[in-house]
C-alpha atoms as a PDB file:
ATOM      1  CA  LEU A   1       0.000   0.000   0.000  1.00  0.00           C
ATOM      2  CA  ASN A   2       2.846   2.406   0.827  1.00  0.00           C
ATOM      3  CA  ALA A   3       4.563   1.695  -2.500  1.00  0.00           C
ATOM      4  CA  LEU A   4       1.331   2.340  -4.411  1.00  0.00           C
ATOM      5  CA  ALA A   5       0.830   5.605  -2.533  1.00  0.00           C
ATOM      6  CA  GLU A   6       4.392   6.706  -3.302  1.00  0.00           C
ATOM      7  CA  ALA A   7       3.921   5.940  -7.010  1.00  0.00           C
ATOM      8  CA  LEU A   8       0.705   7.968  -7.139  1.00  0.00           C
ATOM      9  CA  LEU A   9       2.390  10.787  -5.234  1.00  0.00           C
ATOM     10  CA  ALA A  10       5.217  10.779  -7.781  1.00  0.00           C
ATOM     11  CA  HIS A  11       2.772  11.409 -10.622  1.00  0.00           C
ATOM     12  CA  ALA A  12       0.952  14.123  -8.685  1.00  0.00           C
ATOM     13  CA  LEU A  13       4.201  15.912  -7.867  1.00  0.00           C
ATOM     14  CA  ALA A  14       5.300  15.865 -11.512  1.00  0.00           C
ATOM     15  CA  ALA A  15       1.989  17.433 -12.527  1.00  0.00           C
ATOM     16  CA  ALA A  16       2.431  20.049  -9.794  1.00  0.00           C
ATOM     17  CA  GLY A  17       5.828  21.074 -11.174  1.00  0.00           C
ATOM     18  CA  ARG A  18       7.836  19.246  -8.513  1.00  0.00           C
ATOM     19  CA  PRO A  19       9.259  16.297 -10.479  1.00  0.00           C
ATOM     20  CA  ALA A  20      12.479  16.163  -8.441  1.00  0.00           C
ATOM     21  CA  GLU A  21      10.412  15.446  -5.337  1.00  0.00           C
ATOM     22  CA  GLY A  22       8.270  13.107  -7.396  1.00  0.00           C
ATOM     23  CA  LEU A  23      11.356  11.219  -8.484  1.00  0.00           C
ATOM     24  CA  ASP A  24      12.267  10.601  -4.846  1.00  0.00           C
ATOM     25  CA  ALA A  25       8.784   9.171  -4.271  1.00  0.00           C
ATOM     26  CA  ALA A  26       8.971   6.987  -7.386  1.00  0.00           C
ATOM     27  CA  LEU A  27      12.393   5.655  -6.418  1.00  0.00           C
ATOM     28  CA  LEU A  28      11.084   4.841  -2.952  1.00  0.00           C
ATOM     29  CA  ALA A  29       8.199   2.936  -4.519  1.00  0.00           C
ATOM     30  CA  ALA A  30      10.616   1.128  -6.836  1.00  0.00           C
ATOM     31  CA  SER A  31      12.752   0.074  -3.861  1.00  0.00           C
ATOM     32  CA  GLU A  32       9.801  -1.900  -2.516  1.00  0.00           C
ATOM     33  CA  LEU A  33       8.992  -3.690  -5.768  1.00  0.00           C
ATOM     34  CA  ARG A  34      10.904  -6.894  -5.131  1.00  0.00           C
ATOM     35  CA  ALA A  35       8.646  -7.774  -2.230  1.00  0.00           C
ATOM     36  CA  LEU A  36       5.532  -6.949  -4.246  1.00  0.00           C
ATOM     37  CA  GLU A  37       6.205  -8.346  -7.709  1.00  0.00           C
ATOM     38  CA  ASN A  38       4.454 -11.619  -6.941  1.00  0.00           C
ATOM     39  CA  GLU A  39       1.493  -9.837  -5.364  1.00  0.00           C
ATOM     40  CA  LEU A  40       0.415  -7.408  -8.082  1.00  0.00           C
ATOM     41  CA  PHE A  41       0.979  -8.417 -11.679  1.00  0.00           C
ATOM     42  CA  PHE A  42       1.660  -5.001 -13.192  1.00  0.00           C
ATOM     43  CA  PHE A  43       2.979  -3.123 -10.185  1.00  0.00           C
ATOM     44  CA  SER A  44       6.476  -2.869 -11.675  1.00  0.00           C
ATOM     45  CA  GLU A  45       5.053  -1.341 -14.838  1.00  0.00           C
ATOM     46  CA  PHE A  46       2.839   1.047 -12.883  1.00  0.00           C
ATOM     47  CA  VAL A  47       5.841   2.381 -10.968  1.00  0.00           C
ATOM     48  CA  LEU A  48       7.995   2.456 -14.109  1.00  0.00           C
ATOM     49  CA  GLY A  49       5.478   4.752 -15.804  1.00  0.00           C
ATOM     50  CA  ARG A  50       5.618   7.190 -12.895  1.00  0.00           C
ATOM     51  CA  LEU A  51       9.402   7.062 -12.780  1.00  0.00           C
ATOM     52  CA  VAL A  52       9.682   7.807 -16.496  1.00  0.00           C
ATOM     53  CA  THR A  53       7.068  10.567 -16.236  1.00  0.00           C
ATOM     54  CA  ASP A  54       9.109  12.324 -13.550  1.00  0.00           C
ATOM     55  CA  TYR A  55      12.316  12.086 -15.569  1.00  0.00           C
ATOM     56  CA  LEU A  56      10.566  13.483 -18.651  1.00  0.00           C
ATOM     57  CA  ALA A  57       9.044  16.329 -16.641  1.00  0.00           C
ATOM     58  CA  MET A  58      12.579  17.234 -15.567  1.00  0.00           C
ATOM     59  CA  GLY A  59      13.935  17.002 -19.106  1.00  0.00           C
ATOM     60  CA  GLU A  60      16.185  14.070 -18.181  1.00  0.00           C
ATOM     61  CA  TRP A  61      15.718  12.141 -21.428  1.00  0.00           C
ATOM     62  CA  GLU A  62      18.712   9.827 -20.975  1.00  0.00           C
ATOM     63  CA  SER A  63      17.577   8.783 -17.505  1.00  0.00           C
ATOM     64  CA  ALA A  64      14.104   7.975 -18.779  1.00  0.00           C
ATOM     65  CA  GLU A  65      15.588   5.819 -21.551  1.00  0.00           C
ATOM     66  CA  ARG A  66      17.851   4.087 -19.045  1.00  0.00           C
ATOM     67  CA  GLU A  67      14.893   3.089 -16.887  1.00  0.00           C
ATOM     68  CA  LEU A  68      12.990   1.744 -19.885  1.00  0.00           C
ATOM     69  CA  ASP A  69      16.014  -0.222 -21.097  1.00  0.00           C
ATOM     70  CA  SER A  70      16.650  -1.577 -17.620  1.00  0.00           C
ATOM     71  CA  TYR A  71      13.084  -2.793 -17.298  1.00  0.00           C
ATOM     72  CA  ALA A  72      13.137  -4.429 -20.739  1.00  0.00           C
ATOM     73  CA  ALA A  73      16.350  -6.292 -19.889  1.00  0.00           C
ATOM     74  CA  ALA A  74      15.070  -7.540 -16.529  1.00  0.00           C
ATOM     75  CA  HIS A  75      11.504  -8.440 -17.558  1.00  0.00           C
ATOM     76  CA  ALA A  76      11.849 -10.186 -20.889  1.00  0.00           C
ATOM     77  CA  PRO A  77       8.922 -12.610 -20.223  1.00  0.00           C
ATOM     78  CA  ALA A  78       6.578  -9.634 -19.797  1.00  0.00           C
ATOM     79  CA  ALA A  79       7.548  -8.071 -23.132  1.00  0.00           C
ATOM     80  CA  ALA A  80       4.543  -9.469 -25.007  1.00  0.00           C
ATOM     81  CA  THR A  81       2.145  -8.077 -22.428  1.00  0.00           C
ATOM     82  CA  PHE A  82       3.702  -4.685 -21.812  1.00  0.00           C
ATOM     83  CA  ASN A  83       5.603  -3.891 -25.011  1.00  0.00           C
ATOM     84  CA  GLY A  84       2.897  -1.514 -26.258  1.00  0.00           C
ATOM     85  CA  SER A  85       2.946   0.387 -22.963  1.00  0.00           C
ATOM     86  CA  LEU A  86       6.741   0.670 -23.027  1.00  0.00           C
ATOM     87  CA  GLN A  87       6.722   1.894 -26.612  1.00  0.00           C
ATOM     88  CA  VAL A  88       4.159   4.581 -25.773  1.00  0.00           C
ATOM     89  CA  LEU A  89       6.479   5.822 -23.027  1.00  0.00           C
ATOM     90  CA  ARG A  90       9.414   5.816 -25.459  1.00  0.00           C
ATOM     91  CA  GLY A  91       7.340   7.647 -28.053  1.00  0.00           C
ATOM     92  CA  TYR A  92       6.238  10.188 -25.455  1.00  0.00           C
ATOM     93  CA  SER A  93       9.887  10.786 -24.573  1.00  0.00           C
ATOM     94  CA  MET A  94      10.775  11.407 -28.220  1.00  0.00           C
ATOM     95  CA  LEU A  95       7.783  13.698 -28.616  1.00  0.00           C
ATOM     96  CA  ARG A  96       8.732  15.734 -25.542  1.00  0.00           C
ATOM     97  CA  GLN A  97      12.210  16.167 -27.020  1.00  0.00           C
ATOM     98  CA  GLY A  98      10.832  17.319 -30.359  1.00  0.00           C
ATOM     99  CA  ARG A  99      12.075  14.268 -32.263  1.00  0.00           C
ATOM    100  CA  MET A 100       8.829  13.851 -34.170  1.00  0.00           C
ATOM    101  CA  GLU A 101       9.902  11.333 -36.802  1.00  0.00           C
ATOM    102  CA  ARG A 102      11.280   8.960 -34.166  1.00  0.00           C
ATOM    103  CA  ALA A 103       8.209   9.483 -31.967  1.00  0.00           C
ATOM    104  CA  TYR A 104       5.982   8.585 -34.894  1.00  0.00           C
ATOM    105  CA  GLN A 105       7.983   5.431 -35.662  1.00  0.00           C
ATOM    106  CA  LEU A 106       7.493   4.269 -32.075  1.00  0.00           C
ATOM    107  CA  LEU A 107       3.893   5.338 -31.530  1.00  0.00           C
ATOM    108  CA  LEU A 108       2.318   3.718 -34.595  1.00  0.00           C
ATOM    109  CA  PRO A 109       3.261   0.134 -33.665  1.00  0.00           C
ATOM    110  CA  ALA A 110       2.649   0.926 -29.986  1.00  0.00           C
ATOM    111  CA  VAL A 111      -0.982   1.774 -30.705  1.00  0.00           C
ATOM    112  CA  GLU A 112      -1.406  -1.461 -32.642  1.00  0.00           C
ATOM    113  CA  ALA A 113       0.106  -3.462 -29.770  1.00  0.00           C
ATOM    114  CA  LEU A 114      -2.166  -1.733 -27.257  1.00  0.00           C
ATOM    115  CA  ARG A 115      -5.163  -2.497 -29.439  1.00  0.00           C
ATOM    116  CA  LEU A 116      -4.563  -6.156 -28.528  1.00  0.00           C
ATOM    117  CA  ASN A 117      -3.230  -5.835 -24.985  1.00  0.00           C
ATOM    118  CA  ASP A 118      -3.580  -2.732 -22.828  1.00  0.00           C
ATOM    119  CA  PRO A 119      -3.165  -3.622 -19.135  1.00  0.00           C
ATOM    120  CA  LEU A 120      -2.201  -0.066 -18.121  1.00  0.00           C
ATOM    121  CA  LEU A 121      -4.989   1.626 -20.126  1.00  0.00           C
ATOM    122  CA  LEU A 122      -2.633   3.642 -22.332  1.00  0.00           C
ATOM    123  CA  PHE A 123      -4.367   3.069 -25.675  1.00  0.00           C
ATOM    124  CA  ARG A 124      -6.229   6.380 -25.589  1.00  0.00           C
ATOM    125  CA  PHE A 125      -3.120   8.310 -24.557  1.00  0.00           C
ATOM    126  CA  GLY A 126      -1.015   6.551 -27.184  1.00  0.00           C
ATOM    127  CA  SER A 127      -3.616   7.243 -29.882  1.00  0.00           C
ATOM    128  CA  ALA A 128      -3.636  10.932 -28.938  1.00  0.00           C
ATOM    129  CA  LEU A 129       0.153  11.155 -29.112  1.00  0.00           C
ATOM    130  CA  GLY A 130       0.194   9.275 -32.415  1.00  0.00           C
ATOM    131  CA  PHE A 131      -2.485  11.585 -33.813  1.00  0.00           C
ATOM    132  CA  TYR A 132      -0.397  14.584 -32.758  1.00  0.00           C
ATOM    133  CA  ALA A 133       2.811  13.241 -34.324  1.00  0.00           C
ATOM    134  CA  ALA A 134       1.037  12.276 -37.549  1.00  0.00           C
ATOM    135  CA  ALA A 135      -0.596  15.707 -37.823  1.00  0.00           C
ATOM    136  CA  ARG A 136       2.695  17.515 -37.235  1.00  0.00           C
ATOM    137  CA  LEU A 137       4.395  15.432 -39.907  1.00  0.00           C
ATOM    138  CA  GLY A 138       1.575  15.971 -42.408  1.00  0.00           C
ATOM    139  CA  ASP A 139       0.370  12.351 -42.587  1.00  0.00           C
ATOM    140  CA  THR A 140      -3.301  13.297 -42.792  1.00  0.00           C
ATOM    141  CA  ALA A 141      -4.716   9.851 -43.526  1.00  0.00           C
ATOM    142  CA  GLN A 142      -2.956   8.224 -40.599  1.00  0.00           C
ATOM    143  CA  ALA A 143      -3.816  11.179 -38.384  1.00  0.00           C
ATOM    144  CA  LYS A 144      -7.523  10.757 -39.116  1.00  0.00           C
ATOM    145  CA  ARG A 145      -7.366   7.057 -38.285  1.00  0.00           C
ATOM    146  CA  LEU A 146      -5.587   7.730 -34.993  1.00  0.00           C
ATOM    147  CA  GLU A 147      -8.081  10.461 -34.166  1.00  0.00           C
ATOM    148  CA  GLN A 148     -10.875   7.913 -34.550  1.00  0.00           C
ATOM    149  CA  ASP A 149      -8.952   5.466 -32.355  1.00  0.00           C
ATOM    150  CA  TYR A 150      -8.772   8.157 -29.689  1.00  0.00           C
ATOM    151  CA  LYS A 151     -12.503   8.821 -29.918  1.00  0.00           C
ATOM    152  CA  ASP A 152     -13.368   5.125 -29.745  1.00  0.00           C
ATOM    153  CA  ALA A 153     -11.046   4.288 -26.839  1.00  0.00           C
ATOM    154  CA  VAL A 154     -12.144   3.843 -23.260  1.00  0.00           C
ATOM    155  CA  GLN A 155     -10.861   6.453 -20.844  1.00  0.00           C
ATOM    156  CA  GLY A 156      -7.528   5.948 -19.141  1.00  0.00           C
ATOM    157  CA  GLY A 157      -6.297   7.610 -15.981  1.00  0.00           C
ATOM    158  CA  PRO A 158      -7.376  11.230 -15.310  1.00  0.00           C
ATOM    159  CA  ALA A 159      -3.856  12.642 -15.708  1.00  0.00           C
ATOM    160  CA  HIS A 160      -3.253  10.887 -19.011  1.00  0.00           C
ATOM    161  CA  ASP A 161      -6.712  11.762 -20.300  1.00  0.00           C
ATOM    162  CA  PHE A 162      -6.217  15.476 -19.701  1.00  0.00           C
ATOM    163  CA  LEU A 163      -2.918  15.548 -21.574  1.00  0.00           C
ATOM    164  CA  ALA A 164      -4.386  13.324 -24.287  1.00  0.00           C
ATOM    165  CA  GLY A 165      -7.121  15.907 -24.833  1.00  0.00           C
ATOM    166  CA  ALA A 166      -4.520  18.662 -25.112  1.00  0.00           C
ATOM    167  CA  TYR A 167      -2.475  16.801 -27.720  1.00  0.00           C
ATOM    168  CA  VAL A 168      -5.630  15.954 -29.667  1.00  0.00           C
ATOM    169  CA  ALA A 169      -6.641  19.632 -29.724  1.00  0.00           C
ATOM    170  CA  ALA A 170      -3.166  20.556 -30.979  1.00  0.00           C
ATOM    171  CA  ALA A 171      -3.273  17.819 -33.620  1.00  0.00           C
ATOM    172  CA  GLY A 172      -6.588  19.154 -34.885  1.00  0.00           C
ATOM    173  CA  GLU A 173      -5.043  22.594 -35.182  1.00  0.00           C
ATOM    174  CA  TYR A 174      -2.087  21.257 -37.185  1.00  0.00           C
ATOM    175  CA  LEU A 175      -4.552  19.652 -39.606  1.00  0.00           C
ATOM    176  CA  SER A 176      -7.057  22.483 -40.040  1.00  0.00           C
ATOM    177  CA  ARG A 177      -5.248  25.672 -38.966  1.00  0.00           C
ATOM    178  CA  ASP A 178      -8.623  27.238 -38.226  1.00  0.00           C
ATOM    179  CA  GLY A 179      -7.851  28.404 -34.691  1.00  0.00           C
ATOM    180  CA  LYS A 180     -10.297  26.024 -33.023  1.00  0.00           C
ATOM    181  CA  GLY A 181      -7.665  23.679 -31.642  1.00  0.00           C
ATOM    182  CA  LEU A 182      -5.621  26.566 -30.300  1.00  0.00           C
ATOM    183  CA  ALA A 183      -8.732  28.039 -28.681  1.00  0.00           C
ATOM    184  CA  SER A 184      -9.397  24.677 -27.031  1.00  0.00           C
ATOM    185  CA  LEU A 185      -5.857  24.655 -25.647  1.00  0.00           C
ATOM    186  CA  HIS A 186      -6.308  28.142 -24.212  1.00  0.00           C
ATOM    187  CA  THR A 187      -9.531  26.979 -22.581  1.00  0.00           C
ATOM    188  CA  LEU A 188      -7.802  23.926 -21.121  1.00  0.00           C
ATOM    189  CA  ALA A 189      -5.166  26.224 -19.623  1.00  0.00           C
ATOM    190  CA  THR A 190      -7.867  27.877 -17.501  1.00  0.00           C
ATOM    191  CA  THR A 191      -9.245  24.624 -16.071  1.00  0.00           C
ATOM    192  CA  PRO A 192      -8.282  23.494 -12.556  1.00  0.00           C
ATOM    193  CA  GLU A 193      -6.446  20.478 -14.014  1.00  0.00           C
ATOM    194  CA  ALA A 194      -3.941  22.893 -15.570  1.00  0.00           C
ATOM    195  CA  SER A 195      -4.144  26.149 -13.631  1.00  0.00           C
ATOM    196  CA  SER A 196      -3.515  24.420 -10.302  1.00  0.00           C
ATOM    197  CA  ARG A 197      -0.734  22.147 -11.642  1.00  0.00           C
ATOM    198  CA  ALA A 198       2.289  24.045 -12.869  1.00  0.00           C
ATOM    199  CA  GLY A 199       3.950  21.066 -14.534  1.00  0.00           C
ATOM    200  CA  THR A 200       0.861  20.181 -16.552  1.00  0.00           C
ATOM    201  CA  LEU A 201       0.288  23.824 -17.440  1.00  0.00           C
ATOM    202  CA  LEU A 202       3.851  24.291 -18.674  1.00  0.00           C
ATOM    203  CA  GLU A 203       3.556  21.256 -20.957  1.00  0.00           C
ATOM    204  CA  LEU A 204       0.294  22.618 -22.335  1.00  0.00           C
ATOM    205  CA  LEU A 205       1.882  26.030 -22.948  1.00  0.00           C
ATOM    206  CA  ALA A 206       4.804  24.347 -24.711  1.00  0.00           C
ATOM    207  CA  VAL A 207       2.325  22.688 -27.080  1.00  0.00           C
ATOM    208  CA  CYS A 208       0.777  26.101 -27.808  1.00  0.00           C
ATOM    209  CA  TRP A 209       4.200  27.616 -28.441  1.00  0.00           C
ATOM    210  CA  ASP A 210       5.058  24.787 -30.841  1.00  0.00           C
ATOM    211  CA  LEU A 211       1.910  25.719 -32.744  1.00  0.00           C
ATOM    212  CA  GLY A 212       3.342  29.193 -33.310  1.00  0.00           C
ATOM    213  CA  ASP A 213       1.443  31.025 -30.577  1.00  0.00           C
ATOM    214  CA  PRO A 214       3.852  33.510 -28.923  1.00  0.00           C
ATOM    215  CA  SER A 215       1.014  34.982 -26.822  1.00  0.00           C
ATOM    216  CA  VAL A 216       1.714  32.283 -24.213  1.00  0.00           C
ATOM    217  CA  ILE A 217       5.313  33.409 -23.628  1.00  0.00           C
ATOM    218  CA  PRO A 218       4.571  35.675 -20.615  1.00  0.00           C
ATOM    219  CA  MET A 219       2.669  32.796 -19.002  1.00  0.00           C
ATOM    220  CA  VAL A 220       5.558  30.456 -19.808  1.00  0.00           C
ATOM    221  CA  GLN A 221       7.880  32.782 -17.899  1.00  0.00           C
ATOM    222  CA  SER A 222       5.692  32.957 -14.816  1.00  0.00           C
ATOM    223  CA  THR A 223       4.925  29.215 -14.831  1.00  0.00           C
ATOM    224  CA  ALA A 224       8.425  27.917 -15.565  1.00  0.00           C
ATOM    225  CA  LYS A 225       9.821  29.748 -12.548  1.00  0.00           C
ATOM    226  CA  GLY A 226       7.798  27.421 -10.321  1.00  0.00           C
ATOM    227  CA  VAL A 227       8.691  24.159 -12.054  1.00  0.00           C
ATOM    228  CA  GLU A 228      11.709  22.024 -11.161  1.00  0.00           C
ATOM    229  CA  GLY A 229      14.143  20.591 -13.683  1.00  0.00           C
ATOM    230  CA  ARG A 230      16.265  21.526 -16.653  1.00  0.00           C
ATOM    231  CA  TRP A 231      13.367  21.405 -19.125  1.00  0.00           C
ATOM    232  CA  ALA A 232      11.549  24.188 -17.267  1.00  0.00           C
ATOM    233  CA  ALA A 233      14.829  26.107 -16.975  1.00  0.00           C
ATOM    234  CA  ALA A 234      15.290  25.811 -20.745  1.00  0.00           C
ATOM    235  CA  MET A 235      11.734  27.027 -21.337  1.00  0.00           C
ATOM    236  CA  LEU A 236      12.366  29.995 -19.052  1.00  0.00           C
ATOM    237  CA  LYS A 237      15.675  30.849 -20.746  1.00  0.00           C
ATOM    238  CA  LEU A 238      14.132  30.764 -24.211  1.00  0.00           C
ATOM    239  CA  SER A 239      11.112  32.823 -23.181  1.00  0.00           C
ATOM    240  CA  VAL A 240      13.339  35.557 -21.695  1.00  0.00           C
ATOM    241  CA  ASP A 241      15.652  35.625 -24.721  1.00  0.00           C
ATOM    242  CA  TRP A 242      12.670  35.591 -27.094  1.00  0.00           C
ATOM    243  CA  GLU A 243      11.336  38.819 -25.629  1.00  0.00           C
ATOM    244  CA  ALA A 244      14.804  40.440 -25.469  1.00  0.00           C
ATOM    245  CA  ALA A 245      15.053  39.882 -29.248  1.00  0.00           C
ATOM    246  CA  ASP A 246      18.846  39.902 -29.533  1.00  0.00           C
ATOM    247  CA  GLY A 247      19.957  37.852 -32.519  1.00  0.00           C
ATOM    248  CA  ASP A 248      23.383  36.865 -31.169  1.00  0.00           C
ATOM    249  CA  THR A 249      21.974  35.785 -27.822  1.00  0.00           C
ATOM    250  CA  LEU A 250      19.244  33.775 -29.511  1.00  0.00           C
ATOM    251  CA  MET A 251      21.785  32.022 -31.710  1.00  0.00           C
ATOM    252  CA  ASP A 252      23.852  31.087 -28.652  1.00  0.00           C
ATOM    253  CA  THR A 253      20.739  29.905 -26.828  1.00  0.00           C
ATOM    254  CA  ALA A 254      19.604  27.863 -29.822  1.00  0.00           C
ATOM    255  CA  ALA A 255      22.961  26.112 -30.070  1.00  0.00           C
ATOM    256  CA  ALA A 256      22.969  25.367 -26.331  1.00  0.00           C
ATOM    257  CA  LEU A 257      19.421  23.985 -26.461  1.00  0.00           C
ATOM    258  CA  GLU A 258      20.271  21.797 -29.431  1.00  0.00           C
ATOM    259  CA  GLU A 259      23.348  20.464 -27.658  1.00  0.00           C
ATOM    260  CA  SER A 260      21.234  19.683 -24.578  1.00  0.00           C
ATOM    261  CA  GLY A 261      18.683  17.683 -26.562  1.00  0.00           C
ATOM    262  CA  PHE A 262      15.839  20.206 -26.477  1.00  0.00           C
ATOM    263  CA  VAL A 263      15.088  19.962 -30.188  1.00  0.00           C
ATOM    264  CA  ASN A 264      11.699  21.706 -30.117  1.00  0.00           C
ATOM    265  CA  LEU A 265      13.064  24.636 -28.133  1.00  0.00           C
ATOM    266  CA  ALA A 266      16.175  24.906 -30.283  1.00  0.00           C
ATOM    267  CA  ARG A 267      13.964  25.040 -33.371  1.00  0.00           C
ATOM    268  CA  GLU A 268      12.001  27.935 -31.879  1.00  0.00           C
ATOM    269  CA  ALA A 269      15.175  29.768 -30.872  1.00  0.00           C
ATOM    270  CA  TYR A 270      16.701  29.456 -34.349  1.00  0.00           C
ATOM    271  CA  ALA A 271      13.454  30.646 -35.953  1.00  0.00           C
ATOM    272  CA  ARG A 272      13.264  33.633 -33.642  1.00  0.00           C
ATOM    273  CA  ALA A 273      16.938  34.453 -34.255  1.00  0.00           C
ATOM    274  CA  SER A 274      16.329  34.319 -37.996  1.00  0.00           C
ATOM    275  CA  THR A 275      13.428  36.747 -37.722  1.00  0.00           C
ATOM    276  CA  VAL A 276      15.347  39.164 -35.501  1.00  0.00           C
ATOM    277  CA  LEU A 277      18.408  39.122 -37.777  1.00  0.00           C
ATOM    278  CA  GLU A 278      16.238  39.633 -40.870  1.00  0.00           C
ATOM    279  CA  GLN A 279      14.612  42.654 -39.237  1.00  0.00           C
ATOM    280  CA  ALA A 280      18.092  44.012 -38.459  1.00  0.00           C
ATOM    281  CA  GLY A 281      19.056  43.730 -42.118  1.00  0.00           C
ATOM    282  CA  GLU A 282      21.437  40.806 -41.601  1.00  0.00           C
ATOM    283  CA  ARG A 283      19.944  38.636 -44.299  1.00  0.00           C
ATOM    284  CA  ARG A 284      22.903  36.298 -44.756  1.00  0.00           C
ATOM    285  CA  ARG A 285      22.988  35.430 -41.067  1.00  0.00           C
ATOM    286  CA  SER A 286      19.216  35.190 -41.039  1.00  0.00           C
ATOM    287  CA  ARG A 287      19.336  32.518 -43.746  1.00  0.00           C
END
């Protein structure tokens, strides 16, 4: 019971913007797994999901991958049952990093695996992420199919369902560009699920920013200050430099973000630097 409580606390802390504290709770839950593995069939996987979620909330991509690899090596007999769940977590990691092509390659087969076996109720979340990746990459036919999968799926956990709805709204905006998806995201940002949970809100704002909505940047600044981890720090750095509009600084920031594995943020920084340099008449550097 204590291990289950610690795992749930880990997820709640990540949503609240305190993933470092959440990681401590998840690691404590993981330390008790050996005694519980024969009691609850998917307890290891339940804790793994929370552990990976905390690492991703902190922007610790390599640590998240290490945990997934470690589980796969130690639980080979469970691969058939939980492979779809693991691949959704891997795809989510790639998506959070901005590596859309790799995320898409992982999420498509993950959804198919979960269609057959979904012990952790991740099919709806995986379908939403797949829909988002497909829409961003311009694969309209596949995006429509994944959207229908999302609509037909049973609900998962409350935390996953909220984020799934956000990614679905963003995917719809990538497909139609009619402003409706972006409006839905702005509405979601005002709900208690987001407004009272800084970590969730910052992820939602990042999705809006990826869509090309700079109006969220002031809110990114105020929210990121209250969120632990290097991902939030990178969001804060970019938001400050974005508003300062100095081309050289933005170029340096973009290079640093790229080096650190924040592909989405680096892309935004380079784009902003290009615009600023173009406005300053430095067309060669802008290109």
